[in-house]
Amino acid sequence: MKILITDPLSEEGVDYLKQQPDFEVVCRSDLSLEALLSEVRDADGLIVRSKTQVTQEVIENASQLRVIGR
């Protein structure tokens, strides 16, 4: 399961996710819209804070997305 983190998250939180055997954690900040659309395409989970705007376009490009966490 690919988890994409696009905004700063506590190191403890990221470490916890990385310890989960079924998770591939990808941390990418400061993505352009085009890069975000590309990265989210095969993500199962998306974790954002307030910087990343999850628009309809982002969701429509995320065909495998199961959950968005904020």
PDB file of N, CA and C in Angstrom:
ATOM      1  N   MET A   1       0.849  -1.170   0.000  1.00  0.00           N
ATOM      2  CA  MET A   1       0.000   0.000   0.000  1.00  0.00           C
ATOM      3  C   MET A   1       0.898   1.238   0.000  1.00  0.00           C
ATOM      4  N   LYS A   2       0.742   2.072  -0.996  1.00  0.00           N
ATOM      5  CA  LYS A   2       1.543   3.294  -1.097  1.00  0.00           C
ATOM      6  C   LYS A   2       0.843   4.431  -0.366  1.00  0.00           C
ATOM      7  N   ILE A   3       1.565   5.024   0.588  1.00  0.00           N
ATOM      8  CA  ILE A   3       1.070   6.167   1.338  1.00  0.00           C
ATOM      9  C   ILE A   3       1.892   7.383   0.918  1.00  0.00           C
ATOM     10  N   LEU A   4       1.247   8.383   0.372  1.00  0.00           N
ATOM     11  CA  LEU A   4       1.909   9.607  -0.068  1.00  0.00           C
ATOM     12  C   LEU A   4       1.680  10.697   0.968  1.00  0.00           C
ATOM     13  N   ILE A   5       2.774  11.254   1.479  1.00  0.00           N
ATOM     14  CA  ILE A   5       2.716  12.357   2.441  1.00  0.00           C
ATOM     15  C   ILE A   5       3.252  13.590   1.731  1.00  0.00           C
ATOM     16  N   THR A   6       2.415  14.625   1.610  1.00  0.00           N
ATOM     17  CA  THR A   6       2.812  15.783   0.806  1.00  0.00           C
ATOM     18  C   THR A   6       3.093  17.043   1.604  1.00  0.00           C
ATOM     19  N   ASP A   7       2.853  17.008   2.892  1.00  0.00           N
ATOM     20  CA  ASP A   7       3.123  18.164   3.744  1.00  0.00           C
ATOM     21  C   ASP A   7       3.921  17.699   4.958  1.00  0.00           C
ATOM     22  N   PRO A   8       4.605  18.626   5.633  1.00  0.00           N
ATOM     23  CA  PRO A   8       5.390  18.241   6.808  1.00  0.00           C
ATOM     24  C   PRO A   8       4.530  17.518   7.845  1.00  0.00           C
ATOM     25  N   LEU A   9       5.072  16.441   8.353  1.00  0.00           N
ATOM     26  CA  LEU A   9       4.419  15.625   9.371  1.00  0.00           C
ATOM     27  C   LEU A   9       5.477  15.307  10.407  1.00  0.00           C
ATOM     28  N   SER A  10       5.069  15.081  11.630  1.00  0.00           N
ATOM     29  CA  SER A  10       6.058  14.801  12.671  1.00  0.00           C
ATOM     30  C   SER A  10       6.892  13.580  12.290  1.00  0.00           C
ATOM     31  N   GLU A  11       8.154  13.624  12.647  1.00  0.00           N
ATOM     32  CA  GLU A  11       9.060  12.518  12.348  1.00  0.00           C
ATOM     33  C   GLU A  11       8.559  11.225  12.980  1.00  0.00           C
ATOM     34  N   GLU A  12       7.997  11.333  14.179  1.00  0.00           N
ATOM     35  CA  GLU A  12       7.460  10.148  14.858  1.00  0.00           C
ATOM     36  C   GLU A  12       6.324   9.521  14.053  1.00  0.00           C
ATOM     37  N   GLY A  13       5.471  10.351  13.507  1.00  0.00           N
ATOM     38  CA  GLY A  13       4.356   9.850  12.710  1.00  0.00           C
ATOM     39  C   GLY A  13       4.824   9.153  11.448  1.00  0.00           C
ATOM     40  N   VAL A  14       5.785   9.756  10.766  1.00  0.00           N
ATOM     41  CA  VAL A  14       6.332   9.162   9.548  1.00  0.00           C
ATOM     42  C   VAL A  14       7.037   7.852   9.883  1.00  0.00           C
ATOM     43  N   ASP A  15       7.828   7.841  10.955  1.00  0.00           N
ATOM     44  CA  ASP A  15       8.529   6.620  11.360  1.00  0.00           C
ATOM     45  C   ASP A  15       7.553   5.498  11.669  1.00  0.00           C
ATOM     46  N   TYR A  16       6.457   5.823  12.342  1.00  0.00           N
ATOM     47  CA  TYR A  16       5.450   4.810  12.659  1.00  0.00           C
ATOM     48  C   TYR A  16       4.896   4.191  11.376  1.00  0.00           C
ATOM     49  N   LEU A  17       4.564   5.032  10.414  1.00  0.00           N
ATOM     50  CA  LEU A  17       4.027   4.515   9.157  1.00  0.00           C
ATOM     51  C   LEU A  17       5.054   3.661   8.426  1.00  0.00           C
ATOM     52  N   LYS A  18       6.311   4.086   8.435  1.00  0.00           N
ATOM     53  CA  LYS A  18       7.365   3.331   7.750  1.00  0.00           C
ATOM     54  C   LYS A  18       7.608   1.972   8.388  1.00  0.00           C
ATOM     55  N   GLN A  19       7.280   1.818   9.658  1.00  0.00           N
ATOM     56  CA  GLN A  19       7.464   0.543  10.350  1.00  0.00           C
ATOM     57  C   GLN A  19       6.389  -0.477   9.985  1.00  0.00           C
ATOM     58  N   GLN A  20       5.319  -0.034   9.371  1.00  0.00           N
ATOM     59  CA  GLN A  20       4.240  -0.953   9.012  1.00  0.00           C
ATOM     60  C   GLN A  20       4.670  -1.759   7.786  1.00  0.00           C
ATOM     61  N   PRO A  21       4.646  -3.088   7.895  1.00  0.00           N
ATOM     62  CA  PRO A  21       5.209  -3.928   6.836  1.00  0.00           C
ATOM     63  C   PRO A  21       4.512  -3.805   5.481  1.00  0.00           C
ATOM     64  N   ASP A  22       3.267  -3.424   5.462  1.00  0.00           N
ATOM     65  CA  ASP A  22       2.543  -3.360   4.190  1.00  0.00           C
ATOM     66  C   ASP A  22       2.515  -1.970   3.568  1.00  0.00           C
ATOM     67  N   PHE A  23       3.206  -1.006   4.193  1.00  0.00           N
ATOM     68  CA  PHE A  23       3.172   0.370   3.706  1.00  0.00           C
ATOM     69  C   PHE A  23       4.472   0.733   2.997  1.00  0.00           C
ATOM     70  N   GLU A  24       4.333   1.355   1.846  1.00  0.00           N
ATOM     71  CA  GLU A  24       5.445   2.029   1.168  1.00  0.00           C
ATOM     72  C   GLU A  24       5.167   3.515   1.365  1.00  0.00           C
ATOM     73  N   VAL A  25       5.980   4.171   2.176  1.00  0.00           N
ATOM     74  CA  VAL A  25       5.747   5.568   2.520  1.00  0.00           C
ATOM     75  C   VAL A  25       6.616   6.457   1.634  1.00  0.00           C
ATOM     76  N   VAL A  26       5.972   7.396   0.957  1.00  0.00           N
ATOM     77  CA  VAL A  26       6.659   8.330   0.072  1.00  0.00           C
ATOM     78  C   VAL A  26       6.390   9.737   0.588  1.00  0.00           C
ATOM     79  N   CYS A  27       7.448  10.436   0.972  1.00  0.00           N
ATOM     80  CA  CYS A  27       7.336  11.818   1.459  1.00  0.00           C
ATOM     81  C   CYS A  27       7.803  12.760   0.362  1.00  0.00           C
ATOM     82  N   ARG A  28       6.899  13.604  -0.120  1.00  0.00           N
ATOM     83  CA  ARG A  28       7.227  14.574  -1.165  1.00  0.00           C
ATOM     84  C   ARG A  28       6.542  15.884  -0.831  1.00  0.00           C
ATOM     85  N   SER A  29       7.324  16.893  -0.559  1.00  0.00           N
ATOM     86  CA  SER A  29       6.736  18.200  -0.268  1.00  0.00           C
ATOM     87  C   SER A  29       7.047  19.160  -1.408  1.00  0.00           C
ATOM     88  N   ASP A  30       6.378  20.270  -1.410  1.00  0.00           N
ATOM     89  CA  ASP A  30       6.559  21.307  -2.431  1.00  0.00           C
ATOM     90  C   ASP A  30       6.350  20.784  -3.847  1.00  0.00           C
ATOM     91  N   LEU A  31       5.318  19.978  -4.029  1.00  0.00           N
ATOM     92  CA  LEU A  31       5.016  19.447  -5.356  1.00  0.00           C
ATOM     93  C   LEU A  31       4.220  20.459  -6.170  1.00  0.00           C
ATOM     94  N   SER A  32       4.546  20.554  -7.437  1.00  0.00           N
ATOM     95  CA  SER A  32       3.693  21.320  -8.344  1.00  0.00           C
ATOM     96  C   SER A  32       2.412  20.515  -8.543  1.00  0.00           C
ATOM     97  N   LEU A  33       1.404  21.131  -9.109  1.00  0.00           N
ATOM     98  CA  LEU A  33       0.160  20.413  -9.353  1.00  0.00           C
ATOM     99  C   LEU A  33       0.410  19.207 -10.258  1.00  0.00           C
ATOM    100  N   GLU A  34       1.208  19.395 -11.288  1.00  0.00           N
ATOM    101  CA  GLU A  34       1.493  18.300 -12.215  1.00  0.00           C
ATOM    102  C   GLU A  34       2.193  17.145 -11.507  1.00  0.00           C
ATOM    103  N   ALA A  35       3.157  17.460 -10.642  1.00  0.00           N
ATOM    104  CA  ALA A  35       3.876  16.417  -9.903  1.00  0.00           C
ATOM    105  C   ALA A  35       2.949  15.715  -8.914  1.00  0.00           C
ATOM    106  N   LEU A  36       2.076  16.473  -8.259  1.00  0.00           N
ATOM    107  CA  LEU A  36       1.117  15.877  -7.332  1.00  0.00           C
ATOM    108  C   LEU A  36       0.197  14.914  -8.073  1.00  0.00           C
ATOM    109  N   LEU A  37      -0.303  15.329  -9.221  1.00  0.00           N
ATOM    110  CA  LEU A  37      -1.185  14.465 -10.004  1.00  0.00           C
ATOM    111  C   LEU A  37      -0.475  13.182 -10.415  1.00  0.00           C
ATOM    112  N   SER A  38       0.786  13.282 -10.732  1.00  0.00           N
ATOM    113  CA  SER A  38       1.569  12.102 -11.100  1.00  0.00           C
ATOM    114  C   SER A  38       1.801  11.184  -9.905  1.00  0.00           C
ATOM    115  N   GLU A  39       2.197  11.765  -8.777  1.00  0.00           N
ATOM    116  CA  GLU A  39       2.505  10.972  -7.576  1.00  0.00           C
ATOM    117  C   GLU A  39       1.269  10.296  -6.996  1.00  0.00           C
ATOM    118  N   VAL A  40       0.139  10.967  -7.032  1.00  0.00           N
ATOM    119  CA  VAL A  40      -1.067  10.440  -6.392  1.00  0.00           C
ATOM    120  C   VAL A  40      -1.741   9.365  -7.254  1.00  0.00           C
ATOM    121  N   ARG A  41      -1.335   9.271  -8.490  1.00  0.00           N
ATOM    122  CA  ARG A  41      -1.980   8.345  -9.430  1.00  0.00           C
ATOM    123  C   ARG A  41      -2.015   6.907  -8.914  1.00  0.00           C
ATOM    124  N   ASP A  42      -0.934   6.460  -8.277  1.00  0.00           N
ATOM    125  CA  ASP A  42      -0.889   5.071  -7.798  1.00  0.00           C
ATOM    126  C   ASP A  42      -0.852   4.976  -6.272  1.00  0.00           C
ATOM    127  N   ALA A  43      -1.257   6.034  -5.598  1.00  0.00           N
ATOM    128  CA  ALA A  43      -1.263   6.037  -4.130  1.00  0.00           C
ATOM    129  C   ALA A  43      -2.566   5.439  -3.604  1.00  0.00           C
ATOM    130  N   ASP A  44      -2.438   4.691  -2.517  1.00  0.00           N
ATOM    131  CA  ASP A  44      -3.610   4.142  -1.833  1.00  0.00           C
ATOM    132  C   ASP A  44      -4.076   5.077  -0.719  1.00  0.00           C
ATOM    133  N   GLY A  45      -3.130   5.838  -0.165  1.00  0.00           N
ATOM    134  CA  GLY A  45      -3.436   6.775   0.900  1.00  0.00           C
ATOM    135  C   GLY A  45      -2.715   8.085   0.666  1.00  0.00           C
ATOM    136  N   LEU A  46      -3.338   9.172   1.062  1.00  0.00           N
ATOM    137  CA  LEU A  46      -2.759  10.509   0.922  1.00  0.00           C
ATOM    138  C   LEU A  46      -2.876  11.213   2.263  1.00  0.00           C
ATOM    139  N   ILE A  47      -1.741  11.684   2.773  1.00  0.00           N
ATOM    140  CA  ILE A  47      -1.732  12.433   4.027  1.00  0.00           C
ATOM    141  C   ILE A  47      -1.280  13.850   3.720  1.00  0.00           C
ATOM    142  N   VAL A  48      -2.115  14.817   4.098  1.00  0.00           N
ATOM    143  CA  VAL A  48      -1.829  16.228   3.843  1.00  0.00           C
ATOM    144  C   VAL A  48      -2.002  17.014   5.135  1.00  0.00           C
ATOM    145  N   ARG A  49      -1.538  18.240   5.115  1.00  0.00           N
ATOM    146  CA  ARG A  49      -1.842  19.194   6.182  1.00  0.00           C
ATOM    147  C   ARG A  49      -2.605  20.314   5.494  1.00  0.00           C
ATOM    148  N   SER A  50      -2.277  21.551   5.783  1.00  0.00           N
ATOM    149  CA  SER A  50      -3.063  22.639   5.193  1.00  0.00           C
ATOM    150  C   SER A  50      -2.490  23.170   3.882  1.00  0.00           C
ATOM    151  N   LYS A  51      -1.251  22.836   3.548  1.00  0.00           N
ATOM    152  CA  LYS A  51      -0.643  23.380   2.337  1.00  0.00           C
ATOM    153  C   LYS A  51      -1.185  22.720   1.063  1.00  0.00           C
ATOM    154  N   THR A  52      -1.259  21.412   1.056  1.00  0.00           N
ATOM    155  CA  THR A  52      -1.726  20.699  -0.132  1.00  0.00           C
ATOM    156  C   THR A  52      -3.240  20.801  -0.236  1.00  0.00           C
ATOM    157  N   GLN A  53      -3.704  21.267  -1.375  1.00  0.00           N
ATOM    158  CA  GLN A  53      -5.135  21.375  -1.631  1.00  0.00           C
ATOM    159  C   GLN A  53      -5.590  20.138  -2.407  1.00  0.00           C
ATOM    160  N   VAL A  54      -6.464  19.363  -1.795  1.00  0.00           N
ATOM    161  CA  VAL A  54      -6.975  18.154  -2.435  1.00  0.00           C
ATOM    162  C   VAL A  54      -8.250  18.543  -3.186  1.00  0.00           C
ATOM    163  N   THR A  55      -8.071  18.804  -4.456  1.00  0.00           N
ATOM    164  CA  THR A  55      -9.170  19.260  -5.303  1.00  0.00           C
ATOM    165  C   THR A  55      -9.837  18.068  -5.995  1.00  0.00           C
ATOM    166  N   GLN A  56     -10.913  18.348  -6.666  1.00  0.00           N
ATOM    167  CA  GLN A  56     -11.596  17.315  -7.442  1.00  0.00           C
ATOM    168  C   GLN A  56     -10.645  16.715  -8.470  1.00  0.00           C
ATOM    169  N   GLU A  57      -9.819  17.541  -9.094  1.00  0.00           N
ATOM    170  CA  GLU A  57      -8.864  17.058 -10.091  1.00  0.00           C
ATOM    171  C   GLU A  57      -7.881  16.070  -9.476  1.00  0.00           C
ATOM    172  N   VAL A  58      -7.404  16.361  -8.274  1.00  0.00           N
ATOM    173  CA  VAL A  58      -6.478  15.453  -7.590  1.00  0.00           C
ATOM    174  C   VAL A  58      -7.171  14.119  -7.325  1.00  0.00           C
ATOM    175  N   ILE A  59      -8.369  14.166  -6.798  1.00  0.00           N
ATOM    176  CA  ILE A  59      -9.103  12.936  -6.484  1.00  0.00           C
ATOM    177  C   ILE A  59      -9.398  12.134  -7.752  1.00  0.00           C
ATOM    178  N   GLU A  60      -9.773  12.801  -8.819  1.00  0.00           N
ATOM    179  CA  GLU A  60     -10.069  12.100 -10.072  1.00  0.00           C
ATOM    180  C   GLU A  60      -8.835  11.431 -10.664  1.00  0.00           C
ATOM    181  N   ASN A  61      -7.640  11.954 -10.383  1.00  0.00           N
ATOM    182  CA  ASN A  61      -6.402  11.362 -10.884  1.00  0.00           C
ATOM    183  C   ASN A  61      -5.884  10.247  -9.997  1.00  0.00           C
ATOM    184  N   ALA A  62      -6.517  10.024  -8.876  1.00  0.00           N
ATOM    185  CA  ALA A  62      -6.050   9.040  -7.894  1.00  0.00           C
ATOM    186  C   ALA A  62      -6.951   7.814  -7.930  1.00  0.00           C
ATOM    187  N   SER A  63      -6.810   7.015  -8.959  1.00  0.00           N
ATOM    188  CA  SER A  63      -7.734   5.899  -9.166  1.00  0.00           C
ATOM    189  C   SER A  63      -7.658   4.821  -8.091  1.00  0.00           C
ATOM    190  N   GLN A  64      -6.523   4.711  -7.396  1.00  0.00           N
ATOM    191  CA  GLN A  64      -6.375   3.690  -6.353  1.00  0.00           C
ATOM    192  C   GLN A  64      -6.597   4.232  -4.943  1.00  0.00           C
ATOM    193  N   LEU A  65      -6.830   5.522  -4.821  1.00  0.00           N
ATOM    194  CA  LEU A  65      -6.905   6.168  -3.514  1.00  0.00           C
ATOM    195  C   LEU A  65      -8.054   5.617  -2.680  1.00  0.00           C
ATOM    196  N   ARG A  66      -7.713   5.191  -1.452  1.00  0.00           N
ATOM    197  CA  ARG A  66      -8.714   4.650  -0.527  1.00  0.00           C
ATOM    198  C   ARG A  66      -9.018   5.609   0.616  1.00  0.00           C
ATOM    199  N   VAL A  67      -8.013   6.417   0.997  1.00  0.00           N
ATOM    200  CA  VAL A  67      -8.195   7.274   2.169  1.00  0.00           C
ATOM    201  C   VAL A  67      -7.363   8.545   2.028  1.00  0.00           C
ATOM    202  N   ILE A  68      -7.914   9.641   2.540  1.00  0.00           N
ATOM    203  CA  ILE A  68      -7.197  10.911   2.638  1.00  0.00           C
ATOM    204  C   ILE A  68      -7.207  11.292   4.110  1.00  0.00           C
ATOM    205  N   GLY A  69      -6.022  11.525   4.658  1.00  0.00           N
ATOM    206  CA  GLY A  69      -5.915  11.922   6.060  1.00  0.00           C
ATOM    207  C   GLY A  69      -5.363  13.320   6.171  1.00  0.00           C
ATOM    208  N   ARG A  70      -5.883  14.036   7.169  1.00  0.00           N
ATOM    209  CA  ARG A  70      -5.390  15.396   7.383  1.00  0.00           C
ATOM    210  C   ARG A  70      -5.129  15.609   8.847  1.00  0.00           C
TER     211      ARG A  70
END
